[in-house]
Amino acid sequence: MSTTVDSVLVVEKEATVAWLKINRPKVANCLNRELLHAILAALEDIAKDMHVRVVCIIGSGLKAFCAGADLAERKTMSQEEVLDYIALIQRTMRTIETMPQPVIACINGSAFGGGFEMALACDLRIMVNTAELRLTEVRLGIIPGAGGTQRLPRLIGKSRAKEFILGAVPMTSTVAHHIGLVHKVIELDHTFVYSEEGKRASEGAFLLPLIEEARRWAQEIAKAAPLSLKQAKIAIDDGYDLDMEAALAVETKAYMQLLNTKDRLEGLAAFAEKRAPVFTGE
């Protein structure tokens, strides 16, 4: 396993899974410019790494996955800098969304504003039962500006999204799972361990039960051919808003990208030989 530690972000690569661990526990893992640039740099590296097949994003501690924008930093910004920040956070979320690998949001604590929007930009979501999701922007005189008004309706429907955006209504893990926004919920009790190092949440630990479940899920996904994962994502995302004929054309184009790959031949050979395939991403 390789680990890169930034002051605000820990990046770990373990076999086929890469972890982005947000490391600002004292300020609820909120997104300042330094952290956003660190995330972008890490994603750029991971996108080119043929060994990484799944990406997981988690926050430190138990209180917050990410509390959104760093309002203390925002207060010091000029109007021009605010516009630059909005462009930066939008670019970060779009980069997460368009990664060639599937991305799992591991929601270790509450996710507000931009933190919720980061989870929405991921392909899959896993959440602890004690966490809440909330888009609070309308109570601050703004609106979600990192994709929340567009991604949430696409995931749960327009009318339901209006309920949570216009009313700034908190979404519990039970509700999030019931409506299909969150795929798995981890039930915590008083006996769980915060981290492999024995740290407490206040010390910036990363929640071990959540990491273990996300790791199992990621490793199961990683058994697939990496190019197939990439093209499946493209087919789903690019075809979603199109009419059926256009969407099927997108699917066909994505399928055709795989016809001449070594992994397709390996998949066929492994099936015939009744063994597990060994995919190389070629």
Protein backbone atom coordinates (compact mmCIF):
# COMPACT_ATOMS: atom_id res chain seq x y z
CA MET A 1 0.00 0.00 0.00
CA SER A 2 1.26 3.47 -0.89
CA THR A 3 0.27 6.54 1.12
CA THR A 4 0.58 10.24 0.37
CA VAL A 5 -0.17 12.60 3.25
CA ASP A 6 -1.11 16.20 2.54
CA SER A 7 -1.93 18.57 5.39
CA VAL A 8 -5.59 18.37 4.36
CA LEU A 9 -5.83 15.09 2.42
CA VAL A 10 -4.50 11.55 2.87
CA VAL A 11 -4.26 9.53 -0.36
CA GLU A 12 -3.80 5.77 -0.04
CA LYS A 13 -3.58 3.10 -2.72
CA GLU A 14 -4.15 -0.47 -1.62
CA ALA A 15 -4.11 -2.98 -4.48
CA THR A 16 -7.00 -1.97 -6.77
CA VAL A 17 -8.65 0.57 -4.44
CA ALA A 18 -7.60 4.19 -3.90
CA TRP A 19 -8.71 6.18 -0.86
CA LEU A 20 -9.10 9.94 -0.59
CA LYS A 21 -9.32 10.72 3.12
CA ILE A 22 -10.31 14.29 3.91
CA ASN A 23 -8.24 15.37 6.88
CA ARG A 24 -9.68 18.58 8.38
CA PRO A 25 -11.51 17.23 11.46
CA LYS A 26 -11.24 20.45 13.48
CA VAL A 27 -13.35 22.32 10.89
CA ALA A 28 -15.76 19.48 10.00
CA ASN A 29 -13.72 18.59 6.90
CA CYS A 30 -14.97 21.68 5.06
CA LEU A 31 -13.73 22.50 1.58
CA ASN A 32 -11.17 25.29 1.41
CA ARG A 33 -9.17 26.04 -1.71
CA GLU A 34 -6.17 24.04 -0.53
CA LEU A 35 -8.28 20.92 -0.07
CA LEU A 36 -10.05 21.29 -3.42
CA HIS A 37 -6.73 21.62 -5.24
CA ALA A 38 -5.40 18.59 -3.33
CA ILE A 39 -8.43 16.53 -4.35
CA LEU A 40 -8.06 17.56 -8.00
CA ALA A 41 -4.37 16.66 -8.02
CA ALA A 42 -5.06 13.27 -6.43
CA LEU A 43 -7.85 12.49 -8.89
CA GLU A 44 -5.67 13.44 -11.84
CA ASP A 45 -3.04 10.96 -10.66
CA ILE A 46 -5.56 8.21 -9.91
CA ALA A 47 -7.33 8.58 -13.26
CA LYS A 48 -4.09 7.61 -15.02
CA ASP A 49 -3.28 4.71 -12.69
CA MET A 50 -4.21 1.46 -14.46
CA HIS A 51 -3.96 -0.46 -11.18
CA VAL A 52 -6.75 1.53 -9.47
CA ARG A 53 -10.23 0.25 -10.29
CA VAL A 54 -12.34 1.88 -7.57
CA VAL A 55 -11.99 5.15 -5.64
CA CYS A 56 -13.36 5.74 -2.13
CA ILE A 57 -13.78 9.17 -0.48
CA ILE A 58 -14.17 9.45 3.30
CA GLY A 59 -13.92 12.21 5.91
CA SER A 60 -12.08 12.03 9.22
CA GLY A 61 -13.89 11.55 12.49
CA LEU A 62 -17.53 10.75 13.14
CA LYS A 63 -19.09 14.20 13.18
CA ALA A 64 -18.83 15.22 9.53
CA PHE A 65 -18.12 13.72 6.13
CA CYS A 66 -17.82 17.29 4.88
CA ALA A 67 -19.57 20.46 6.04
CA GLY A 68 -19.33 22.13 2.63
CA ALA A 69 -17.53 25.37 1.84
CA ASP A 70 -15.11 26.84 4.37
CA LEU A 71 -17.13 29.88 5.40
CA ALA A 72 -14.25 31.32 7.43
CA GLU A 73 -12.16 31.39 4.26
CA ARG A 74 -15.14 32.64 2.24
CA LYS A 75 -15.47 35.72 4.48
CA THR A 76 -11.99 36.86 3.44
CA MET A 77 -12.68 36.55 -0.30
CA SER A 78 -13.44 39.34 -2.75
CA GLN A 79 -16.39 38.87 -5.09
CA GLU A 80 -13.99 37.85 -7.86
CA GLU A 81 -12.38 35.27 -5.57
CA VAL A 82 -15.81 33.89 -4.68
CA LEU A 83 -16.52 33.36 -8.37
CA ASP A 84 -13.16 31.63 -8.76
CA TYR A 85 -13.98 29.42 -5.78
CA ILE A 86 -17.35 28.44 -7.26
CA ALA A 87 -15.63 27.50 -10.52
CA LEU A 88 -13.05 25.48 -8.57
CA ILE A 89 -15.60 23.52 -6.54
CA GLN A 90 -17.71 22.86 -9.64
CA ARG A 91 -14.64 21.58 -11.48
CA THR A 92 -13.78 19.33 -8.54
CA MET A 93 -17.26 17.79 -8.42
CA ARG A 94 -17.33 17.29 -12.18
CA THR A 95 -13.91 15.61 -12.02
CA ILE A 96 -15.21 13.21 -9.36
CA GLU A 97 -18.27 12.50 -11.49
CA THR A 98 -16.31 11.80 -14.68
CA MET A 99 -13.54 9.66 -13.21
CA PRO A 100 -12.87 6.55 -15.32
CA GLN A 101 -13.17 4.48 -12.14
CA PRO A 102 -16.34 4.13 -10.05
CA VAL A 103 -16.24 6.43 -7.01
CA ILE A 104 -17.83 5.54 -3.67
CA ALA A 105 -18.76 8.24 -1.14
CA CYS A 106 -18.15 6.82 2.35
CA ILE A 107 -20.30 9.15 4.43
CA ASN A 108 -18.85 8.86 7.91
CA GLY A 109 -20.78 11.82 9.35
CA SER A 110 -23.12 14.58 8.32
CA ALA A 111 -22.72 16.08 4.86
CA PHE A 112 -23.96 19.64 4.41
CA GLY A 113 -23.95 21.91 1.36
CA GLY A 114 -20.90 21.20 -0.76
CA GLY A 115 -20.22 18.05 1.24
CA PHE A 116 -23.60 16.65 0.21
CA GLU A 117 -22.90 17.78 -3.35
CA MET A 118 -19.60 15.88 -3.31
CA ALA A 119 -21.46 12.73 -2.29
CA LEU A 120 -23.94 13.34 -5.13
CA ALA A 121 -21.06 13.55 -7.63
CA CYS A 122 -19.93 10.05 -6.64
CA ASP A 123 -21.32 6.96 -8.36
CA LEU A 124 -22.25 5.11 -5.18
CA ARG A 125 -22.89 6.06 -1.57
CA ILE A 126 -22.50 4.27 1.77
CA MET A 127 -23.47 6.01 5.01
CA VAL A 128 -23.41 5.53 8.78
CA ASN A 129 -26.80 5.52 10.47
CA THR A 130 -25.92 8.52 12.67
CA ALA A 131 -25.24 10.90 9.76
CA GLU A 132 -27.53 13.43 8.04
CA LEU A 133 -27.48 14.95 4.58
CA ARG A 134 -28.61 18.53 4.05
CA LEU A 135 -28.50 21.30 1.45
CA THR A 136 -28.75 24.44 3.57
CA GLU A 137 -27.86 27.11 0.99
CA VAL A 138 -31.28 28.77 0.67
CA ARG A 139 -31.10 29.58 4.39
CA LEU A 140 -27.84 31.47 3.66
CA GLY A 141 -29.18 33.58 0.81
CA ILE A 142 -27.68 31.43 -1.97
CA ILE A 143 -28.46 28.13 -3.72
CA PRO A 144 -26.46 24.91 -4.06
CA GLY A 145 -23.70 25.88 -6.47
CA ALA A 146 -21.65 22.70 -6.87
CA GLY A 147 -24.21 20.71 -8.82
CA GLY A 148 -26.80 20.02 -6.13
CA THR A 149 -29.73 21.51 -8.02
CA GLN A 150 -28.92 19.30 -11.01
CA ARG A 151 -27.65 16.02 -9.57
CA LEU A 152 -30.16 15.54 -6.76
CA PRO A 153 -33.24 15.73 -9.06
CA ARG A 154 -31.62 13.25 -11.43
CA LEU A 155 -31.05 10.84 -8.57
CA ILE A 156 -34.32 11.07 -6.63
CA GLY A 157 -36.74 12.96 -8.92
CA LYS A 158 -37.53 16.64 -9.34
CA SER A 159 -40.39 16.95 -6.86
CA ARG A 160 -38.58 15.13 -4.05
CA ALA A 161 -35.42 17.14 -4.69
CA LYS A 162 -37.38 20.39 -4.32
CA GLU A 163 -38.52 19.23 -0.90
CA PHE A 164 -34.95 18.92 0.31
CA ILE A 165 -33.49 21.95 -1.51
CA LEU A 166 -36.27 24.53 -1.03
CA GLY A 167 -37.00 23.48 2.53
CA ALA A 168 -33.38 22.81 3.50
CA VAL A 169 -34.79 19.62 5.02
CA PRO A 170 -32.31 17.24 6.65
CA MET A 171 -32.24 13.74 5.17
CA THR A 172 -31.59 10.89 7.58
CA SER A 173 -29.79 7.71 6.62
CA THR A 174 -33.13 5.85 6.80
CA VAL A 175 -34.78 8.21 4.32
CA ALA A 176 -31.71 8.34 2.06
CA HIS A 177 -31.64 4.55 1.88
CA HIS A 178 -35.40 4.26 1.39
CA ILE A 179 -35.42 6.57 -1.64
CA GLY A 180 -32.37 4.87 -3.16
CA LEU A 181 -29.91 7.73 -2.78
CA VAL A 182 -27.72 5.76 -0.37
CA HIS A 183 -27.05 2.13 -1.22
CA LYS A 184 -25.80 0.83 2.13
CA VAL A 185 -26.20 2.00 5.75
CA ILE A 186 -23.73 0.99 8.46
CA GLU A 187 -25.29 0.62 11.90
CA LEU A 188 -22.94 1.83 14.64
CA ASP A 189 -23.11 0.88 18.30
CA HIS A 190 -20.98 1.80 21.31
CA THR A 191 -18.45 -0.98 20.77
CA PHE A 192 -16.99 -0.03 17.39
CA VAL A 193 -13.37 0.99 16.90
CA TYR A 194 -12.61 4.31 15.21
CA SER A 195 -9.47 3.33 13.38
CA GLU A 196 -6.84 0.67 12.97
CA GLU A 197 -4.45 2.88 14.94
CA GLY A 198 -6.88 3.10 17.87
CA LYS A 199 -7.43 6.83 17.49
CA ARG A 200 -10.65 8.47 18.61
CA ALA A 201 -12.78 10.52 16.24
CA SER A 202 -11.57 13.77 17.81
CA GLU A 203 -8.02 12.86 16.81
CA GLY A 204 -8.82 12.66 13.13
CA ALA A 205 -9.38 8.92 12.93
CA PHE A 206 -11.10 7.35 9.94
CA LEU A 207 -14.09 5.23 10.84
CA LEU A 208 -13.03 1.58 10.68
CA PRO A 209 -16.44 -0.16 10.28
CA LEU A 210 -17.23 2.11 7.35
CA ILE A 211 -13.82 1.59 5.77
CA GLU A 212 -14.11 -2.18 6.09
CA GLU A 213 -17.55 -2.34 4.48
CA ALA A 214 -16.58 0.09 1.72
CA ARG A 215 -13.40 -1.91 1.09
CA ARG A 216 -15.39 -5.14 0.69
CA TRP A 217 -17.76 -3.42 -1.73
CA ALA A 218 -14.93 -1.79 -3.69
CA GLN A 219 -12.99 -5.05 -3.94
CA GLU A 220 -16.07 -6.81 -5.30
CA ILE A 221 -16.53 -4.12 -7.96
CA ALA A 222 -12.80 -4.26 -8.74
CA LYS A 223 -13.15 -7.85 -9.95
CA ALA A 224 -14.64 -6.45 -13.16
CA ALA A 225 -12.60 -5.42 -16.18
CA PRO A 226 -11.51 -1.78 -15.64
CA LEU A 227 -12.29 -0.74 -19.21
CA SER A 228 -15.74 -2.27 -18.84
CA LEU A 229 -16.34 -0.26 -15.68
CA LYS A 230 -15.29 2.89 -17.52
CA GLN A 231 -17.49 2.29 -20.55
CA ALA A 232 -20.47 1.22 -18.43
CA LYS A 233 -20.23 4.53 -16.56
CA ILE A 234 -20.06 6.44 -19.83
CA ALA A 235 -23.05 4.59 -21.28
CA ILE A 236 -25.19 5.23 -18.19
CA ASP A 237 -24.21 8.86 -17.68
CA ASP A 238 -24.20 9.99 -21.30
CA GLY A 239 -27.36 8.14 -22.23
CA TYR A 240 -29.48 9.01 -19.19
CA ASP A 241 -31.16 12.19 -20.48
CA LEU A 242 -31.50 11.09 -24.11
CA ASP A 243 -34.44 9.48 -25.90
CA MET A 244 -34.18 5.71 -26.18
CA GLU A 245 -32.84 5.58 -29.74
CA ALA A 246 -30.07 8.08 -28.98
CA ALA A 247 -29.33 6.38 -25.67
CA LEU A 248 -28.97 2.99 -27.33
CA ALA A 249 -26.55 4.55 -29.79
CA VAL A 250 -24.47 5.74 -26.83
CA GLU A 251 -24.54 2.23 -25.39
CA THR A 252 -23.47 0.71 -28.70
CA LYS A 253 -20.58 3.15 -29.04
CA ALA A 254 -19.40 2.30 -25.51
CA TYR A 255 -19.72 -1.43 -26.25
CA MET A 256 -17.69 -1.09 -29.42
CA GLN A 257 -14.82 0.42 -27.44
CA LEU A 258 -14.36 -2.98 -25.79
CA LEU A 259 -14.46 -5.31 -28.78
CA ASN A 260 -10.74 -5.26 -29.53
CA THR A 261 -9.48 -5.27 -25.95
CA LYS A 262 -7.33 -7.97 -24.41
CA ASP A 263 -9.62 -8.00 -21.38
CA ARG A 264 -12.63 -9.03 -23.50
CA LEU A 265 -10.68 -12.01 -24.82
CA GLU A 266 -9.48 -12.81 -21.30
CA GLY A 267 -13.05 -12.72 -20.02
CA LEU A 268 -14.18 -15.18 -22.70
CA ALA A 269 -11.20 -17.47 -22.09
CA ALA A 270 -11.72 -17.44 -18.32
CA PHE A 271 -15.41 -18.28 -18.74
CA ALA A 272 -14.59 -21.20 -21.04
CA GLU A 273 -11.88 -22.46 -18.71
CA LYS A 274 -14.05 -22.00 -15.60
CA ARG A 275 -11.53 -19.79 -13.81
CA ALA A 276 -11.39 -16.25 -12.49
CA PRO A 277 -10.30 -13.76 -15.17
CA VAL A 278 -7.10 -11.77 -14.81
CA PHE A 279 -7.83 -8.33 -16.22
CA THR A 280 -5.07 -5.86 -17.03
CA GLY A 281 -7.00 -2.86 -18.32
CA GLU A 282 -5.83 -3.43 -21.90
